[in-house]
Amino acid sequence: MFVLNRFPVVCKAYVSDPVIAWRPHVMPNASPVMIERVARAIAAHTGREDWASFTSQARAAVVALREPTPEMLEAAIPNCPDWGDLPQDWQAMIDYVLNEQIS
């Protein structure tokens, strides 16, 4: 059994059942959407305050993250020969971010 972000994950390579992961159902929604957060980070890095002008660059950065590298997957679940649905889960999260509407 591995611990991923404080939640137990069982590598399906070692058990006959699929990956078992406990995921909290309640997430705080007080923070801005991810594209806005990335745009704000780019603006801050360039010393500017007009984050809205960086949304296309932020979207491009998030698109670049859509395909997790093997190293990223290994970091999430070390020493597991089968990452199960983790790559698809990652892509689903990125797709969600790409479809979020900035208010």
C-alpha atoms as a PDB file:
ATOM      1  CA  MET A   1       0.000   0.000   0.000  1.00  0.00           C
ATOM      2  CA  PHE A   2       1.223   3.462  -0.886  1.00  0.00           C
ATOM      3  CA  VAL A   3       0.185   6.761   0.613  1.00  0.00           C
ATOM      4  CA  LEU A   4      -0.682   9.416  -1.948  1.00  0.00           C
ATOM      5  CA  ASN A   5      -1.401  12.849  -0.483  1.00  0.00           C
ATOM      6  CA  ARG A   6      -2.217  11.283   2.887  1.00  0.00           C
ATOM      7  CA  PHE A   7      -4.771   8.901   1.306  1.00  0.00           C
ATOM      8  CA  PRO A   8      -4.138   5.172   0.961  1.00  0.00           C
ATOM      9  CA  VAL A   9      -3.662   3.879  -2.572  1.00  0.00           C
ATOM     10  CA  VAL A  10      -3.230   0.218  -3.345  1.00  0.00           C
ATOM     11  CA  CYS A  11      -1.241  -0.500  -6.490  1.00  0.00           C
ATOM     12  CA  LYS A  12      -3.334  -2.795  -8.650  1.00  0.00           C
ATOM     13  CA  ALA A  13      -0.211  -4.604  -9.777  1.00  0.00           C
ATOM     14  CA  TYR A  14      -0.049  -6.131  -6.293  1.00  0.00           C
ATOM     15  CA  VAL A  15      -3.721  -6.860  -5.707  1.00  0.00           C
ATOM     16  CA  SER A  16      -6.458  -8.363  -7.802  1.00  0.00           C
ATOM     17  CA  ASP A  17      -8.821  -5.433  -7.203  1.00  0.00           C
ATOM     18  CA  PRO A  18      -8.541  -2.133  -9.098  1.00  0.00           C
ATOM     19  CA  VAL A  19      -6.709   0.788  -7.566  1.00  0.00           C
ATOM     20  CA  ILE A  20      -8.364   1.728  -4.297  1.00  0.00           C
ATOM     21  CA  ALA A  21      -8.201   5.416  -3.490  1.00  0.00           C
ATOM     22  CA  TRP A  22     -10.167   7.474  -1.054  1.00  0.00           C
ATOM     23  CA  ARG A  23     -11.006  10.842  -2.514  1.00  0.00           C
ATOM     24  CA  PRO A  24     -12.646  13.591  -0.522  1.00  0.00           C
ATOM     25  CA  HIS A  25     -15.954  14.734  -1.997  1.00  0.00           C
ATOM     26  CA  VAL A  26     -15.827  18.276  -0.702  1.00  0.00           C
ATOM     27  CA  MET A  27     -13.298  20.669  -2.150  1.00  0.00           C
ATOM     28  CA  PRO A  28     -13.012  24.322  -1.226  1.00  0.00           C
ATOM     29  CA  ASN A  29     -14.202  26.538  -4.065  1.00  0.00           C
ATOM     30  CA  ALA A  30     -13.098  29.919  -2.800  1.00  0.00           C
ATOM     31  CA  SER A  31     -10.002  30.059  -5.013  1.00  0.00           C
ATOM     32  CA  PRO A  32     -10.024  31.393  -8.578  1.00  0.00           C
ATOM     33  CA  VAL A  33     -10.194  28.953 -11.471  1.00  0.00           C
ATOM     34  CA  MET A  34      -6.846  27.397 -12.360  1.00  0.00           C
ATOM     35  CA  ILE A  35      -6.320  29.303 -15.630  1.00  0.00           C
ATOM     36  CA  GLU A  36      -6.713  32.556 -13.693  1.00  0.00           C
ATOM     37  CA  ARG A  37      -4.267  31.328 -11.052  1.00  0.00           C
ATOM     38  CA  VAL A  38      -1.694  30.479 -13.732  1.00  0.00           C
ATOM     39  CA  ALA A  39      -2.294  33.810 -15.512  1.00  0.00           C
ATOM     40  CA  ARG A  40      -1.798  35.649 -12.228  1.00  0.00           C
ATOM     41  CA  ALA A  41       1.459  33.754 -11.637  1.00  0.00           C
ATOM     42  CA  ILE A  42       2.747  34.639 -15.118  1.00  0.00           C
ATOM     43  CA  ALA A  43       1.774  38.287 -14.617  1.00  0.00           C
ATOM     44  CA  ALA A  44       3.504  38.377 -11.238  1.00  0.00           C
ATOM     45  CA  HIS A  45       6.607  36.760 -12.715  1.00  0.00           C
ATOM     46  CA  THR A  46       6.777  39.437 -15.402  1.00  0.00           C
ATOM     47  CA  GLY A  47       6.117  42.224 -12.909  1.00  0.00           C
ATOM     48  CA  ARG A  48       2.717  43.125 -14.304  1.00  0.00           C
ATOM     49  CA  GLU A  49      -0.678  43.317 -12.664  1.00  0.00           C
ATOM     50  CA  ASP A  50      -2.947  42.851 -15.699  1.00  0.00           C
ATOM     51  CA  TRP A  51      -3.264  39.085 -15.323  1.00  0.00           C
ATOM     52  CA  ALA A  52      -6.203  38.889 -17.756  1.00  0.00           C
ATOM     53  CA  SER A  53      -3.856  39.625 -20.667  1.00  0.00           C
ATOM     54  CA  PHE A  54      -1.961  36.425 -19.807  1.00  0.00           C
ATOM     55  CA  THR A  55      -4.884  33.993 -20.015  1.00  0.00           C
ATOM     56  CA  SER A  56      -3.898  32.641 -23.444  1.00  0.00           C
ATOM     57  CA  GLN A  57      -0.353  31.982 -22.221  1.00  0.00           C
ATOM     58  CA  ALA A  58      -1.771  30.360 -19.085  1.00  0.00           C
ATOM     59  CA  ARG A  59      -4.039  28.137 -21.185  1.00  0.00           C
ATOM     60  CA  ALA A  60      -1.047  27.118 -23.349  1.00  0.00           C
ATOM     61  CA  ALA A  61       0.958  26.242 -20.233  1.00  0.00           C
ATOM     62  CA  VAL A  62      -1.860  24.059 -18.913  1.00  0.00           C
ATOM     63  CA  VAL A  63      -2.226  22.327 -22.311  1.00  0.00           C
ATOM     64  CA  ALA A  64       1.480  21.487 -22.143  1.00  0.00           C
ATOM     65  CA  LEU A  65       0.832  19.705 -18.836  1.00  0.00           C
ATOM     66  CA  ARG A  66      -1.968  17.501 -20.247  1.00  0.00           C
ATOM     67  CA  GLU A  67       0.310  14.515 -20.912  1.00  0.00           C
ATOM     68  CA  PRO A  68       1.989  13.425 -17.674  1.00  0.00           C
ATOM     69  CA  THR A  69       5.569  12.270 -18.032  1.00  0.00           C
ATOM     70  CA  PRO A  70       6.614   8.889 -16.663  1.00  0.00           C
ATOM     71  CA  GLU A  71       8.584  10.790 -14.024  1.00  0.00           C
ATOM     72  CA  MET A  72       5.422  12.598 -12.906  1.00  0.00           C
ATOM     73  CA  LEU A  73       3.532   9.312 -12.665  1.00  0.00           C
ATOM     74  CA  GLU A  74       6.403   7.728 -10.762  1.00  0.00           C
ATOM     75  CA  ALA A  75       6.395  10.657  -8.335  1.00  0.00           C
ATOM     76  CA  ALA A  76       2.686  10.120  -7.690  1.00  0.00           C
ATOM     77  CA  ILE A  77       2.930   6.368  -7.119  1.00  0.00           C
ATOM     78  CA  PRO A  78       6.570   5.325  -6.621  1.00  0.00           C
ATOM     79  CA  ASN A  79       7.785   1.844  -7.530  1.00  0.00           C
ATOM     80  CA  CYS A  80       4.476   0.792  -9.039  1.00  0.00           C
ATOM     81  CA  PRO A  81       4.812  -0.999 -12.369  1.00  0.00           C
ATOM     82  CA  ASP A  82       1.218  -0.152 -13.319  1.00  0.00           C
ATOM     83  CA  TRP A  83      -0.152   3.351 -12.817  1.00  0.00           C
ATOM     84  CA  GLY A  84      -3.662   2.172 -13.606  1.00  0.00           C
ATOM     85  CA  ASP A  85      -5.972   5.021 -14.534  1.00  0.00           C
ATOM     86  CA  LEU A  86      -3.687   7.733 -13.164  1.00  0.00           C
ATOM     87  CA  PRO A  87      -2.717   9.111 -16.619  1.00  0.00           C
ATOM     88  CA  GLN A  88      -6.384   9.310 -17.638  1.00  0.00           C
ATOM     89  CA  ASP A  89      -7.314  10.844 -14.272  1.00  0.00           C
ATOM     90  CA  TRP A  90      -4.605  13.475 -14.747  1.00  0.00           C
ATOM     91  CA  GLN A  91      -5.836  14.244 -18.275  1.00  0.00           C
ATOM     92  CA  ALA A  92      -9.415  14.522 -17.022  1.00  0.00           C
ATOM     93  CA  MET A  93      -8.309  17.067 -14.412  1.00  0.00           C
ATOM     94  CA  ILE A  94      -6.430  19.089 -17.026  1.00  0.00           C
ATOM     95  CA  ASP A  95      -9.409  18.910 -19.404  1.00  0.00           C
ATOM     96  CA  TYR A  96     -11.607  20.201 -16.599  1.00  0.00           C
ATOM     97  CA  VAL A  97      -9.257  23.148 -16.073  1.00  0.00           C
ATOM     98  CA  LEU A  98      -9.247  23.902 -19.790  1.00  0.00           C
ATOM     99  CA  ASN A  99     -13.051  24.018 -19.820  1.00  0.00           C
ATOM    100  CA  GLU A 100     -13.436  26.229 -16.736  1.00  0.00           C
ATOM    101  CA  GLN A 101     -14.899  29.658 -17.365  1.00  0.00           C
ATOM    102  CA  ILE A 102     -13.028  32.682 -16.068  1.00  0.00           C
ATOM    103  CA  SER A 103     -15.401  35.112 -14.387  1.00  0.00           C
END
